[in-house]
Amino acid sequence: MGEHLLVDGYNLIKTSALFSHYERTSLQRARQALVQALNGYARQRGARVTLFFDGGAGQGEPAPAGPVQVVFSRVPLKADDLIKEAVQERHGARDLRVISTDREVARFAQRHRVRVTGAGAFERELAQPPPRPQPLPAAEEKWREVPLSEAQIAEWERIFQREKRIFDDPEGKK
């Protein structure tokens, strides 16, 4: 599996031009738009996403289908607390990345050797098409035959003859 993103949901919604316009009409609509965008991102890149929100505002919402897991904190905890717990549990994980502009969350993740991407940078990443896979080299390029010199051939013949003698007479009686 690819990368695992821990996303600070409301932080991304409130700091992103892409999602903040939904917030003006409905916070629920903003959450749905974010989940939809993250589902597409995760599918295209083979990533796993855990999306954290504060409070139980979306407790009645159906769980989204796809690679995005949505987690709502419960009082007295905040989404930041849940993100920190997840980071601490996977200290130093190379496949883990936190998406948040919150300085406290970012510093905590960095102390635990987890990469951090700010909301603005991640918003640009969401807008980018997925990277195209690099073509593999042609088989003849990868395994191109190189002729052996006369000296190399003679050396291999000497090695094979020695091995053959050992195989034919393992105790050396001949």
Protein backbone atom coordinates (compact mmCIF):
# COMPACT_ATOMS: atom_id res chain seq x y z
CA MET A 1 0.00 0.00 0.00
CA GLY A 2 1.10 3.57 -0.58
CA GLU A 3 1.17 6.59 1.62
CA HIS A 4 -1.13 7.07 4.63
CA LEU A 5 -2.36 10.65 5.10
CA LEU A 6 -3.67 12.01 8.39
CA VAL A 7 -5.75 15.03 7.37
CA ASP A 8 -6.85 17.82 9.71
CA GLY A 9 -10.26 18.29 8.07
CA TYR A 10 -11.52 21.64 9.30
CA ASN A 11 -8.00 23.09 9.06
CA LEU A 12 -7.91 22.17 5.37
CA ILE A 13 -11.46 23.42 4.74
CA LYS A 14 -10.93 26.77 6.44
CA THR A 15 -7.54 27.54 4.87
CA SER A 16 -8.29 26.27 1.37
CA ALA A 17 -9.94 28.32 -1.34
CA LEU A 18 -11.00 25.04 -2.91
CA PHE A 19 -13.24 24.07 0.03
CA SER A 20 -13.90 27.26 2.03
CA HIS A 21 -16.57 28.44 -0.43
CA TYR A 22 -18.63 25.34 0.45
CA GLU A 23 -18.32 26.25 4.12
CA ARG A 24 -20.21 29.51 3.52
CA THR A 25 -23.31 27.53 2.51
CA SER A 26 -22.97 24.41 4.64
CA LEU A 27 -20.24 22.86 6.75
CA GLN A 28 -21.71 19.46 5.89
CA ARG A 29 -21.35 20.26 2.17
CA ALA A 30 -17.73 21.33 2.74
CA ARG A 31 -17.00 18.04 4.51
CA GLN A 32 -18.61 16.07 1.68
CA ALA A 33 -16.62 17.95 -0.97
CA LEU A 34 -13.39 17.29 0.95
CA VAL A 35 -14.18 13.59 1.33
CA GLN A 36 -14.97 13.34 -2.39
CA ALA A 37 -11.70 15.07 -3.36
CA LEU A 38 -9.67 12.90 -0.99
CA ASN A 39 -11.32 9.72 -2.29
CA GLY A 40 -10.25 10.63 -5.81
CA TYR A 41 -6.73 11.52 -4.64
CA ALA A 42 -6.38 8.27 -2.69
CA ARG A 43 -7.60 6.10 -5.57
CA GLN A 44 -5.33 7.77 -8.11
CA ARG A 45 -2.25 7.52 -5.94
CA GLY A 46 -2.90 4.29 -4.07
CA ALA A 47 -2.99 6.16 -0.77
CA ARG A 48 -4.94 5.64 2.43
CA VAL A 49 -6.52 8.67 4.12
CA THR A 50 -7.76 9.20 7.65
CA LEU A 51 -9.71 12.45 7.84
CA PHE A 52 -10.19 13.99 11.30
CA PHE A 53 -12.90 16.49 12.32
CA ASP A 54 -13.65 18.18 15.64
CA GLY A 55 -16.80 17.28 17.52
CA GLY A 56 -19.74 15.11 16.69
CA ALA A 57 -21.21 17.43 14.05
CA GLY A 58 -21.16 14.74 11.40
CA GLN A 59 -22.10 11.79 13.58
CA GLY A 60 -25.36 11.29 11.68
CA GLU A 61 -23.70 11.40 8.27
CA PRO A 62 -23.26 8.10 6.46
CA ALA A 63 -19.70 6.78 6.32
CA PRO A 64 -18.18 7.53 2.94
CA ALA A 65 -17.42 4.69 0.58
CA GLY A 66 -13.83 4.45 -0.56
CA PRO A 67 -10.34 4.69 0.85
CA VAL A 68 -11.09 7.66 3.13
CA GLN A 69 -11.88 6.94 6.76
CA VAL A 70 -13.63 9.80 8.56
CA VAL A 71 -13.12 10.22 12.31
CA PHE A 72 -14.97 12.72 14.51
CA SER A 73 -13.52 13.56 17.91
CA ARG A 74 -15.65 13.44 21.01
CA VAL A 75 -15.53 15.98 23.82
CA PRO A 76 -13.18 16.62 25.55
CA LEU A 77 -10.85 15.53 22.72
CA LYS A 78 -10.26 17.51 19.54
CA ALA A 79 -9.26 16.32 16.09
CA ASP A 80 -5.73 17.60 16.84
CA ASP A 81 -5.53 15.23 19.83
CA LEU A 82 -6.55 12.25 17.66
CA ILE A 83 -4.01 13.18 14.98
CA LYS A 84 -1.27 13.40 17.62
CA GLU A 85 -2.25 9.98 18.99
CA ALA A 86 -2.07 8.46 15.50
CA VAL A 87 1.33 10.09 14.89
CA GLN A 88 2.68 8.89 18.23
CA GLU A 89 1.51 5.32 17.57
CA ARG A 90 3.43 5.27 14.27
CA HIS A 91 6.52 7.25 15.30
CA GLY A 92 8.93 7.57 12.39
CA ALA A 93 6.69 5.78 9.86
CA ARG A 94 7.96 6.61 6.39
CA ASP A 95 4.58 6.11 4.74
CA LEU A 96 2.81 8.51 7.12
CA ARG A 97 2.17 12.19 6.36
CA VAL A 98 0.17 14.81 8.27
CA ILE A 99 -1.81 17.42 6.34
CA SER A 100 -2.30 20.47 8.57
CA THR A 101 -1.31 24.10 8.87
CA ASP A 102 -1.75 23.98 12.65
CA ARG A 103 1.70 24.76 14.08
CA GLU A 104 1.27 22.66 17.19
CA VAL A 105 0.20 19.59 15.18
CA ALA A 106 3.01 20.15 12.66
CA ARG A 107 5.70 20.47 15.37
CA PHE A 108 4.40 17.37 17.14
CA ALA A 109 4.52 15.36 13.91
CA GLN A 110 8.03 16.59 13.12
CA ARG A 111 9.24 15.61 16.60
CA HIS A 112 7.94 12.13 15.82
CA ARG A 113 9.75 12.09 12.47
CA VAL A 114 6.57 12.23 10.43
CA ARG A 115 6.37 14.40 7.31
CA VAL A 116 4.03 17.39 7.32
CA THR A 117 2.43 19.23 4.42
CA GLY A 118 0.60 22.50 4.94
CA ALA A 119 -2.95 22.97 3.70
CA GLY A 120 -1.96 25.30 0.85
CA ALA A 121 0.70 22.96 -0.50
CA PHE A 122 -1.66 20.00 -0.24
CA GLU A 123 -4.42 21.93 -2.01
CA ARG A 124 -2.02 22.43 -4.95
CA GLU A 125 -1.19 18.72 -4.80
CA LEU A 126 -4.90 17.83 -4.97
CA ALA A 127 -5.25 19.95 -8.10
CA GLN A 128 -2.32 18.22 -9.84
CA PRO A 129 -2.87 15.15 -11.98
CA PRO A 130 -1.28 12.04 -10.52
CA PRO A 131 2.31 11.39 -11.54
CA ARG A 132 2.61 9.20 -14.61
CA PRO A 133 4.43 5.94 -14.11
CA GLN A 134 7.85 5.83 -15.75
CA PRO A 135 8.11 3.30 -18.57
CA LEU A 136 10.33 0.34 -17.87
CA PRO A 137 13.37 -0.02 -20.08
CA ALA A 138 12.99 -2.35 -23.04
CA ALA A 139 14.12 -5.89 -22.28
CA GLU A 140 16.94 -5.74 -24.81
CA GLU A 141 18.23 -2.53 -23.23
CA LYS A 142 18.01 -3.89 -19.72
CA TRP A 143 19.69 -7.23 -20.48
CA ARG A 144 21.79 -6.42 -23.49
CA GLU A 145 24.30 -9.18 -24.21
CA VAL A 146 27.92 -8.22 -23.96
CA PRO A 147 30.29 -10.67 -25.66
CA LEU A 148 32.98 -12.25 -23.49
CA SER A 149 36.63 -11.83 -24.38
CA GLU A 150 38.83 -14.87 -25.11
CA ALA A 151 40.48 -14.44 -21.69
CA GLN A 152 37.09 -14.42 -19.91
CA ILE A 153 35.99 -17.54 -21.78
CA ALA A 154 39.22 -19.32 -20.83
CA GLU A 155 38.76 -18.33 -17.16
CA TRP A 156 35.19 -19.66 -17.08
CA GLU A 157 36.28 -22.93 -18.71
CA ARG A 158 39.01 -23.32 -16.06
CA ILE A 159 36.48 -22.71 -13.26
CA PHE A 160 33.97 -25.18 -14.72
CA GLN A 161 36.67 -27.85 -15.19
CA ARG A 162 37.78 -27.46 -11.57
CA GLU A 163 34.17 -27.67 -10.34
CA LYS A 164 33.55 -30.70 -12.53
CA ARG A 165 36.56 -32.49 -11.04
CA ILE A 166 35.34 -31.71 -7.52
CA PHE A 167 31.82 -32.90 -8.40
CA ASP A 168 33.07 -36.10 -10.10
CA ASP A 169 35.50 -36.94 -7.27
CA PRO A 170 34.35 -35.18 -4.07
CA GLU A 171 36.90 -36.97 -1.88
CA GLY A 172 39.83 -36.32 -4.26
CA LYS A 173 40.78 -40.03 -4.70
CA LYS A 174 41.44 -39.83 -8.44
